Amino acid sequence: ASGIRDALETMASVDHRIRCDLHIIPNER
């Protein structure tokens, strides 16, 4: 999990077209 998080956040930091909301999404959202 931490490796996936780190890799995705790195990709999102270099490409504005990628957005990561890496948390549990509340039902209402």
Full PDB file with SEQRES, HELIX, SHEET, SSBOND, CRYST1, ORIGX, SCALE, CONECT and MASTER records, all heavy atoms in Angstrom:
SEQRES   1 A   29  ALA SER GLY ILE ARG ASP ALA LEU GLU THR MET ALA SER          
SEQRES   2 A   29  VAL ASP HIS ARG ILE ARG CYS ASP LEU HIS ILE ILE PRO          
SEQRES   3 A   29  ASN GLU ARG                                                  
HELIX    1 AA1 SER A    2  VAL A   14  1                                  13    
CRYST1    1.000    1.000    1.000  90.00  90.00  90.00 P 1           1          
ORIGX1      1.000000  0.000000  0.000000        0.00000                         
ORIGX2      0.000000  1.000000  0.000000        0.00000                         
ORIGX3      0.000000  0.000000  1.000000        0.00000                         
SCALE1      1.000000  0.000000  0.000000        0.00000                         
SCALE2      0.000000  1.000000  0.000000        0.00000                         
SCALE3      0.000000  0.000000  1.000000        0.00000                         
ATOM      1  N   ALA A   1       0.816  -1.218   0.000  1.00  0.00           N  
ATOM      2  CA  ALA A   1       0.000   0.000   0.000  1.00  0.00           C  
ATOM      3  C   ALA A   1       0.845   1.261   0.000  1.00  0.00           C  
ATOM      4  O   ALA A   1       0.566   2.204  -0.752  1.00  0.00           O  
ATOM      5  CB  ALA A   1      -0.948   0.000   1.198  1.00  0.00           C  
ATOM      6  N   SER A   2       1.895   1.299   0.815  1.00  0.00           N  
ATOM      7  CA  SER A   2       2.706   2.519   0.871  1.00  0.00           C  
ATOM      8  C   SER A   2       3.487   2.715  -0.432  1.00  0.00           C  
ATOM      9  O   SER A   2       3.669   3.848  -0.886  1.00  0.00           O  
ATOM     10  CB  SER A   2       3.650   2.496   2.068  1.00  0.00           C  
ATOM     11  OG  SER A   2       4.562   1.435   1.965  1.00  0.00           O  
ATOM     12  N   GLY A   3       3.919   1.628  -1.054  1.00  0.00           N  
ATOM     13  CA  GLY A   3       4.617   1.734  -2.333  1.00  0.00           C  
ATOM     14  C   GLY A   3       3.715   2.240  -3.442  1.00  0.00           C  
ATOM     15  O   GLY A   3       4.127   3.067  -4.263  1.00  0.00           O  
ATOM     16  N   ILE A   4       2.475   1.748  -3.468  1.00  0.00           N  
ATOM     17  CA  ILE A   4       1.494   2.217  -4.460  1.00  0.00           C  
ATOM     18  C   ILE A   4       1.220   3.696  -4.248  1.00  0.00           C  
ATOM     19  O   ILE A   4       1.211   4.486  -5.193  1.00  0.00           O  
ATOM     20  CB  ILE A   4       0.188   1.406  -4.376  1.00  0.00           C  
ATOM     21  CG1 ILE A   4       0.428  -0.049  -4.727  1.00  0.00           C  
ATOM     22  CG2 ILE A   4      -0.891   2.009  -5.259  1.00  0.00           C  
ATOM     23  CD1 ILE A   4      -0.735  -0.957  -4.376  1.00  0.00           C  
ATOM     24  N   ARG A   5       0.992   4.070  -2.989  1.00  0.00           N  
ATOM     25  CA  ARG A   5       0.722   5.473  -2.662  1.00  0.00           C  
ATOM     26  C   ARG A   5       1.874   6.364  -3.138  1.00  0.00           C  
ATOM     27  O   ARG A   5       1.660   7.371  -3.809  1.00  0.00           O  
ATOM     28  CB  ARG A   5       0.507   5.638  -1.162  1.00  0.00           C  
ATOM     29  CG  ARG A   5       0.244   7.082  -0.732  1.00  0.00           C  
ATOM     30  CD  ARG A   5       0.116   7.203   0.777  1.00  0.00           C  
ATOM     31  NE  ARG A   5      -0.987   6.443   1.295  1.00  0.00           N  
ATOM     32  CZ  ARG A   5      -2.256   6.849   1.314  1.00  0.00           C  
ATOM     33  NH1 ARG A   5      -2.570   8.026   0.795  1.00  0.00           N  
ATOM     34  NH2 ARG A   5      -3.200   6.091   1.818  1.00  0.00           N  
ATOM     35  N   ASP A   6       3.091   5.982  -2.792  1.00  0.00           N  
ATOM     36  CA  ASP A   6       4.260   6.788  -3.161  1.00  0.00           C  
ATOM     37  C   ASP A   6       4.397   6.912  -4.678  1.00  0.00           C  
ATOM     38  O   ASP A   6       4.643   8.004  -5.200  1.00  0.00           O  
ATOM     39  CB  ASP A   6       5.534   6.188  -2.571  1.00  0.00           C  
ATOM     40  CG  ASP A   6       5.595   6.291  -1.057  1.00  0.00           C  
ATOM     41  OD1 ASP A   6       4.814   7.068  -0.464  1.00  0.00           O  
ATOM     42  OD2 ASP A   6       6.434   5.584  -0.455  1.00  0.00           O  
ATOM     43  N   ALA A   7       4.237   5.809  -5.396  1.00  0.00           N  
ATOM     44  CA  ALA A   7       4.387   5.827  -6.849  1.00  0.00           C  
ATOM     45  C   ALA A   7       3.317   6.694  -7.507  1.00  0.00           C  
ATOM     46  O   ALA A   7       3.619   7.485  -8.411  1.00  0.00           O  
ATOM     47  CB  ALA A   7       4.334   4.400  -7.401  1.00  0.00           C  
ATOM     48  N   LEU A   8       2.069   6.567  -7.064  1.00  0.00           N  
ATOM     49  CA  LEU A   8       0.991   7.363  -7.651  1.00  0.00           C  
ATOM     50  C   LEU A   8       1.152   8.845  -7.330  1.00  0.00           C  
ATOM     51  O   LEU A   8       0.946   9.700  -8.192  1.00  0.00           O  
ATOM     52  CB  LEU A   8      -0.369   6.843  -7.184  1.00  0.00           C  
ATOM     53  CG  LEU A   8      -0.779   5.488  -7.743  1.00  0.00           C  
ATOM     54  CD1 LEU A   8      -2.049   4.993  -7.063  1.00  0.00           C  
ATOM     55  CD2 LEU A   8      -0.965   5.536  -9.251  1.00  0.00           C  
ATOM     56  N   GLU A   9       1.513   9.151  -6.094  1.00  0.00           N  
ATOM     57  CA  GLU A   9       1.700  10.552  -5.731  1.00  0.00           C  
ATOM     58  C   GLU A   9       2.870  11.176  -6.501  1.00  0.00           C  
ATOM     59  O   GLU A   9       2.813  12.345  -6.877  1.00  0.00           O  
ATOM     60  CB  GLU A   9       1.884  10.694  -4.224  1.00  0.00           C  
ATOM     61  CG  GLU A   9       0.579  10.457  -3.473  1.00  0.00           C  
ATOM     62  CD  GLU A   9       0.718  10.503  -1.960  1.00  0.00           C  
ATOM     63  OE1 GLU A   9       1.859  10.400  -1.440  1.00  0.00           O  
ATOM     64  OE2 GLU A   9      -0.318  10.620  -1.296  1.00  0.00           O  
ATOM     65  N   THR A  10       3.910  10.398  -6.765  1.00  0.00           N  
ATOM     66  CA  THR A  10       5.027  10.892  -7.572  1.00  0.00           C  
ATOM     67  C   THR A  10       4.565  11.188  -8.988  1.00  0.00           C  
ATOM     68  O   THR A  10       4.889  12.255  -9.547  1.00  0.00           O  
ATOM     69  CB  THR A  10       6.184   9.865  -7.576  1.00  0.00           C  
ATOM     70  OG1 THR A  10       6.663   9.710  -6.246  1.00  0.00           O  
ATOM     71  CG2 THR A  10       7.311  10.320  -8.489  1.00  0.00           C  
ATOM     72  N   MET A  11       3.798  10.272  -9.587  1.00  0.00           N  
ATOM     73  CA  MET A  11       3.301  10.496 -10.949  1.00  0.00           C  
ATOM     74  C   MET A  11       2.398  11.731 -10.989  1.00  0.00           C  
ATOM     75  O   MET A  11       2.472  12.532 -11.927  1.00  0.00           O  
ATOM     76  CB  MET A  11       2.569   9.270 -11.464  1.00  0.00           C  
ATOM     77  CG  MET A  11       3.501   8.096 -11.702  1.00  0.00           C  
ATOM     78  SD  MET A  11       2.666   6.717 -12.450  1.00  0.00           S  
ATOM     79  CE  MET A  11       2.996   7.098 -14.159  1.00  0.00           C  
ATOM     80  N   ALA A  12       1.538  11.882  -9.997  1.00  0.00           N  
ATOM     81  CA  ALA A  12       0.635  13.039  -9.960  1.00  0.00           C  
ATOM     82  C   ALA A  12       1.413  14.345  -9.779  1.00  0.00           C  
ATOM     83  O   ALA A  12       0.997  15.384 -10.289  1.00  0.00           O  
ATOM     84  CB  ALA A  12      -0.391  12.864  -8.851  1.00  0.00           C  
ATOM     85  N   SER A  13       2.536  14.279  -9.088  1.00  0.00           N  
ATOM     86  CA  SER A  13       3.311  15.506  -8.866  1.00  0.00           C  
ATOM     87  C   SER A  13       4.018  15.988 -10.132  1.00  0.00           C  
ATOM     88  O   SER A  13       4.335  17.174 -10.241  1.00  0.00           O  
ATOM     89  CB  SER A  13       4.330  15.301  -7.741  1.00  0.00           C  
ATOM     90  OG  SER A  13       5.385  14.462  -8.166  1.00  0.00           O  
ATOM     91  N   VAL A  14       4.239  15.085 -11.079  1.00  0.00           N  
ATOM     92  CA  VAL A  14       4.918  15.486 -12.322  1.00  0.00           C  
ATOM     93  C   VAL A  14       3.959  15.632 -13.507  1.00  0.00           C  
ATOM     94  O   VAL A  14       4.368  16.080 -14.566  1.00  0.00           O  
ATOM     95  CB  VAL A  14       6.068  14.512 -12.697  1.00  0.00           C  
ATOM     96  CG1 VAL A  14       7.136  14.512 -11.628  1.00  0.00           C  
ATOM     97  CG2 VAL A  14       5.557  13.117 -12.959  1.00  0.00           C  
ATOM     98  N   ASP A  15       2.701  15.249 -13.320  1.00  0.00           N  
ATOM     99  CA  ASP A  15       1.720  15.366 -14.406  1.00  0.00           C  
ATOM    100  C   ASP A  15       0.405  15.867 -13.832  1.00  0.00           C  
ATOM    101  O   ASP A  15      -0.286  15.141 -13.116  1.00  0.00           O  
ATOM    102  CB  ASP A  15       1.527  14.013 -15.094  1.00  0.00           C  
ATOM    103  CG  ASP A  15       0.752  14.115 -16.397  1.00  0.00           C  
ATOM    104  OD1 ASP A  15      -0.068  15.052 -16.549  1.00  0.00           O  
ATOM    105  OD2 ASP A  15       0.957  13.251 -17.274  1.00  0.00           O  
ATOM    106  N   HIS A  16       0.072  17.121 -14.137  1.00  0.00           N  
ATOM    107  CA  HIS A  16      -1.139  17.733 -13.586  1.00  0.00           C  
ATOM    108  C   HIS A  16      -2.421  17.039 -14.050  1.00  0.00           C  
ATOM    109  O   HIS A  16      -3.486  17.268 -13.488  1.00  0.00           O  
ATOM    110  CB  HIS A  16      -1.202  19.219 -13.956  1.00  0.00           C  
ATOM    111  CG  HIS A  16      -1.548  19.452 -15.390  1.00  0.00           C  
ATOM    112  ND1 HIS A  16      -0.613  19.382 -16.400  1.00  0.00           N  
ATOM    113  CD2 HIS A  16      -2.730  19.718 -15.985  1.00  0.00           C  
ATOM    114  CE1 HIS A  16      -1.205  19.609 -17.557  1.00  0.00           C  
ATOM    115  NE2 HIS A  16      -2.490  19.819 -17.343  1.00  0.00           N  
ATOM    116  N   ARG A  17      -2.340  16.183 -15.063  1.00  0.00           N  
ATOM    117  CA  ARG A  17      -3.526  15.493 -15.565  1.00  0.00           C  
ATOM    118  C   ARG A  17      -3.916  14.306 -14.686  1.00  0.00           C  
ATOM    119  O   ARG A  17      -4.987  13.739 -14.853  1.00  0.00           O  
ATOM    120  CB  ARG A  17      -3.292  15.026 -17.005  1.00  0.00           C  
ATOM    121  CG  ARG A  17      -3.023  16.180 -17.963  1.00  0.00           C  
ATOM    122  CD  ARG A  17      -2.626  15.694 -19.323  1.00  0.00           C  
ATOM    123  NE  ARG A  17      -1.450  14.842 -19.225  1.00  0.00           N  
ATOM    124  CZ  ARG A  17      -1.062  13.981 -20.165  1.00  0.00           C  
ATOM    125  NH1 ARG A  17      -1.747  13.882 -21.279  1.00  0.00           N  
ATOM    126  NH2 ARG A  17       0.013  13.258 -19.996  1.00  0.00           N  
ATOM    127  N   ILE A  18      -3.052  13.933 -13.753  1.00  0.00           N  
ATOM    128  CA  ILE A  18      -3.317  12.814 -12.848  1.00  0.00           C  
ATOM    129  C   ILE A  18      -3.626  13.371 -11.467  1.00  0.00           C  
ATOM    130  O   ILE A  18      -2.848  14.146 -10.904  1.00  0.00           O  
ATOM    131  CB  ILE A  18      -2.103  11.863 -12.781  1.00  0.00           C  
ATOM    132  CG1 ILE A  18      -1.789  11.303 -14.170  1.00  0.00           C  
ATOM    133  CG2 ILE A  18      -2.358  10.741 -11.772  1.00  0.00           C  
ATOM    134  CD1 ILE A  18      -0.471  10.553 -14.255  1.00  0.00           C  
ATOM    135  N   ARG A  19      -4.768  12.982 -10.927  1.00  0.00           N  
ATOM    136  CA  ARG A  19      -5.168  13.421  -9.588  1.00  0.00           C  
ATOM    137  C   ARG A  19      -5.390  12.191  -8.726  1.00  0.00           C  
ATOM    138  O   ARG A  19      -6.108  11.272  -9.120  1.00  0.00           O  
ATOM    139  CB  ARG A  19      -6.462  14.233  -9.654  1.00  0.00           C  
ATOM    140  CG  ARG A  19      -6.961  14.609  -8.276  1.00  0.00           C  
ATOM    141  CD  ARG A  19      -8.228  15.388  -8.345  1.00  0.00           C  
ATOM    142  NE  ARG A  19      -8.782  15.542  -7.019  1.00  0.00           N  
ATOM    143  CZ  ARG A  19      -9.626  16.492  -6.687  1.00  0.00           C  
ATOM    144  NH1 ARG A  19     -10.000  17.365  -7.593  1.00  0.00           N  
ATOM    145  NH2 ARG A  19     -10.109  16.554  -5.479  1.00  0.00           N  
ATOM    146  N   CYS A  20      -4.799  12.199  -7.553  1.00  0.00           N  
ATOM    147  CA  CYS A  20      -4.931  11.082  -6.624  1.00  0.00           C  
ATOM    148  C   CYS A  20      -5.600  11.552  -5.341  1.00  0.00           C  
ATOM    149  O   CYS A  20      -5.081  12.444  -4.663  1.00  0.00           O  
ATOM    150  CB  CYS A  20      -3.562  10.499  -6.290  1.00  0.00           C  
ATOM    151  SG  CYS A  20      -2.674   9.826  -7.696  1.00  0.00           S  
ATOM    152  N   ASP A  21      -6.727  10.986  -5.029  1.00  0.00           N  
ATOM    153  CA  ASP A  21      -7.399  11.185  -3.747  1.00  0.00           C  
ATOM    154  C   ASP A  21      -7.315   9.852  -3.026  1.00  0.00           C  
ATOM    155  O   ASP A  21      -8.227   9.025  -3.100  1.00  0.00           O  
ATOM    156  CB  ASP A  21      -8.848  11.627  -3.948  1.00  0.00           C  
ATOM    157  CG  ASP A  21      -8.946  13.017  -4.564  1.00  0.00           C  
ATOM    158  OD1 ASP A  21      -7.953  13.777  -4.496  1.00  0.00           O  
ATOM    159  OD2 ASP A  21      -9.998  13.345  -5.117  1.00  0.00           O  
ATOM    160  N   LEU A  22      -6.186   9.635  -2.367  1.00  0.00           N  
ATOM    161  CA  LEU A  22      -5.853   8.317  -1.829  1.00  0.00           C  
ATOM    162  C   LEU A  22      -6.265   8.203  -0.364  1.00  0.00           C  
ATOM    163  O   LEU A  22      -5.438   8.244   0.554  1.00  0.00           O  
ATOM    164  CB  LEU A  22      -4.353   8.050  -2.020  1.00  0.00           C  
ATOM    165  CG  LEU A  22      -3.884   8.096  -3.478  1.00  0.00           C  
ATOM    166  CD1 LEU A  22      -2.383   7.887  -3.566  1.00  0.00           C  
ATOM    167  CD2 LEU A  22      -4.636   7.077  -4.321  1.00  0.00           C  
ATOM    168  N   HIS A  23      -7.552   8.073  -0.199  1.00  0.00           N  
ATOM    169  CA  HIS A  23      -8.155   7.891   1.125  1.00  0.00           C  
ATOM    170  C   HIS A  23      -9.519   7.247   0.909  1.00  0.00           C  
ATOM    171  O   HIS A  23      -9.996   7.135  -0.224  1.00  0.00           O  
ATOM    172  CB  HIS A  23      -8.281   9.224   1.862  1.00  0.00           C  
ATOM    173  CG  HIS A  23      -8.985  10.277   1.053  1.00  0.00           C  
ATOM    174  ND1 HIS A  23     -10.357  10.375   0.967  1.00  0.00           N  
ATOM    175  CD2 HIS A  23      -8.494  11.260   0.259  1.00  0.00           C  
ATOM    176  CE1 HIS A  23     -10.682  11.376   0.172  1.00  0.00           C  
ATOM    177  NE2 HIS A  23      -9.567  11.932  -0.281  1.00  0.00           N  
ATOM    178  N   ILE A  24     -10.134   6.820   1.976  1.00  0.00           N  
ATOM    179  CA  ILE A  24     -11.490   6.278   1.857  1.00  0.00           C  
ATOM    180  C   ILE A  24     -12.411   7.424   1.450  1.00  0.00           C  
ATOM    181  O   ILE A  24     -12.415   8.484   2.078  1.00  0.00           O  
ATOM    182  CB  ILE A  24     -11.951   5.631   3.176  1.00  0.00           C  
ATOM    183  CG1 ILE A  24     -11.080   4.407   3.471  1.00  0.00           C  
ATOM    184  CG2 ILE A  24     -13.430   5.251   3.113  1.00  0.00           C  
ATOM    185  CD1 ILE A  24     -11.318   3.779   4.829  1.00  0.00           C  
ATOM    186  N   ILE A  25     -13.163   7.221   0.384  1.00  0.00           N  
ATOM    187  CA  ILE A  25     -14.083   8.246  -0.100  1.00  0.00           C  
ATOM    188  C   ILE A  25     -15.394   8.104   0.672  1.00  0.00           C  
ATOM    189  O   ILE A  25     -16.018   7.042   0.646  1.00  0.00           O  
ATOM    190  CB  ILE A  25     -14.332   8.086  -1.624  1.00  0.00           C  
ATOM    191  CG1 ILE A  25     -12.999   8.053  -2.402  1.00  0.00           C  
ATOM    192  CG2 ILE A  25     -15.266   9.174  -2.135  1.00  0.00           C  
ATOM    193  CD1 ILE A  25     -12.130   9.273  -2.250  1.00  0.00           C  
ATOM    194  N   PRO A  26     -15.819   9.162   1.370  1.00  0.00           N  
ATOM    195  CA  PRO A  26     -17.079   9.076   2.117  1.00  0.00           C  
ATOM    196  C   PRO A  26     -18.261   8.799   1.181  1.00  0.00           C  
ATOM    197  O   PRO A  26     -18.266   9.240   0.022  1.00  0.00           O  
ATOM    198  CB  PRO A  26     -17.219  10.462   2.756  1.00  0.00           C  
ATOM    199  CG  PRO A  26     -15.859  11.068   2.701  1.00  0.00           C  
ATOM    200  CD  PRO A  26     -15.166  10.457   1.521  1.00  0.00           C  
ATOM    201  N   ASN A  27     -19.228   8.070   1.672  1.00  0.00           N  
ATOM    202  CA  ASN A  27     -20.385   7.680   0.851  1.00  0.00           C  
ATOM    203  C   ASN A  27     -21.021   8.866   0.137  1.00  0.00           C  
ATOM    204  O   ASN A  27     -21.394   8.756  -1.031  1.00  0.00           O  
ATOM    205  CB  ASN A  27     -21.435   6.971   1.705  1.00  0.00           C  
ATOM    206  CG  ASN A  27     -21.003   5.582   2.108  1.00  0.00           C  
ATOM    207  OD1 ASN A  27     -20.105   4.995   1.504  1.00  0.00           O  
ATOM    208  ND2 ASN A  27     -21.620   5.053   3.140  1.00  0.00           N  
ATOM    209  N   GLU A  28     -21.151   9.993   0.804  1.00  0.00           N  
ATOM    210  CA  GLU A  28     -21.816  11.142   0.188  1.00  0.00           C  
ATOM    211  C   GLU A  28     -20.979  11.789  -0.921  1.00  0.00           C  
ATOM    212  O   GLU A  28     -21.493  12.587  -1.699  1.00  0.00           O  
ATOM    213  CB  GLU A  28     -22.203  12.184   1.244  1.00  0.00           C  
ATOM    214  CG  GLU A  28     -21.055  12.810   1.991  1.00  0.00           C  
ATOM    215  CD  GLU A  28     -20.577  12.002   3.204  1.00  0.00           C  
ATOM    216  OE1 GLU A  28     -21.079  10.891   3.460  1.00  0.00           O  
ATOM    217  OE2 GLU A  28     -19.672  12.511   3.887  1.00  0.00           O  
ATOM    218  N   ARG A  29     -19.686  11.449  -1.034  1.00  0.00           N  
ATOM    219  CA  ARG A  29     -18.831  12.006  -2.086  1.00  0.00           C  
ATOM    220  C   ARG A  29     -18.656  11.077  -3.282  1.00  0.00           C  
ATOM    221  O   ARG A  29     -18.151  11.483  -4.331  1.00  0.00           O  
ATOM    222  CB  ARG A  29     -17.443  12.330  -1.523  1.00  0.00           C  
ATOM    223  CG  ARG A  29     -17.396  13.454  -0.534  1.00  0.00           C  
ATOM    224  CD  ARG A  29     -17.273  14.775  -1.157  1.00  0.00           C  
ATOM    225  NE  ARG A  29     -16.023  14.903  -1.916  1.00  0.00           N  
ATOM    226  CZ  ARG A  29     -15.703  15.965  -2.591  1.00  0.00           C  
ATOM    227  NH1 ARG A  29     -16.498  16.999  -2.620  1.00  0.00           N  
ATOM    228  NH2 ARG A  29     -14.576  16.022  -3.268  1.00  0.00           N  
TER     229      ARG A  29                                                      
MASTER        0    0    0    1    0    0    0    6  228    1    0    3          
END                                                                             
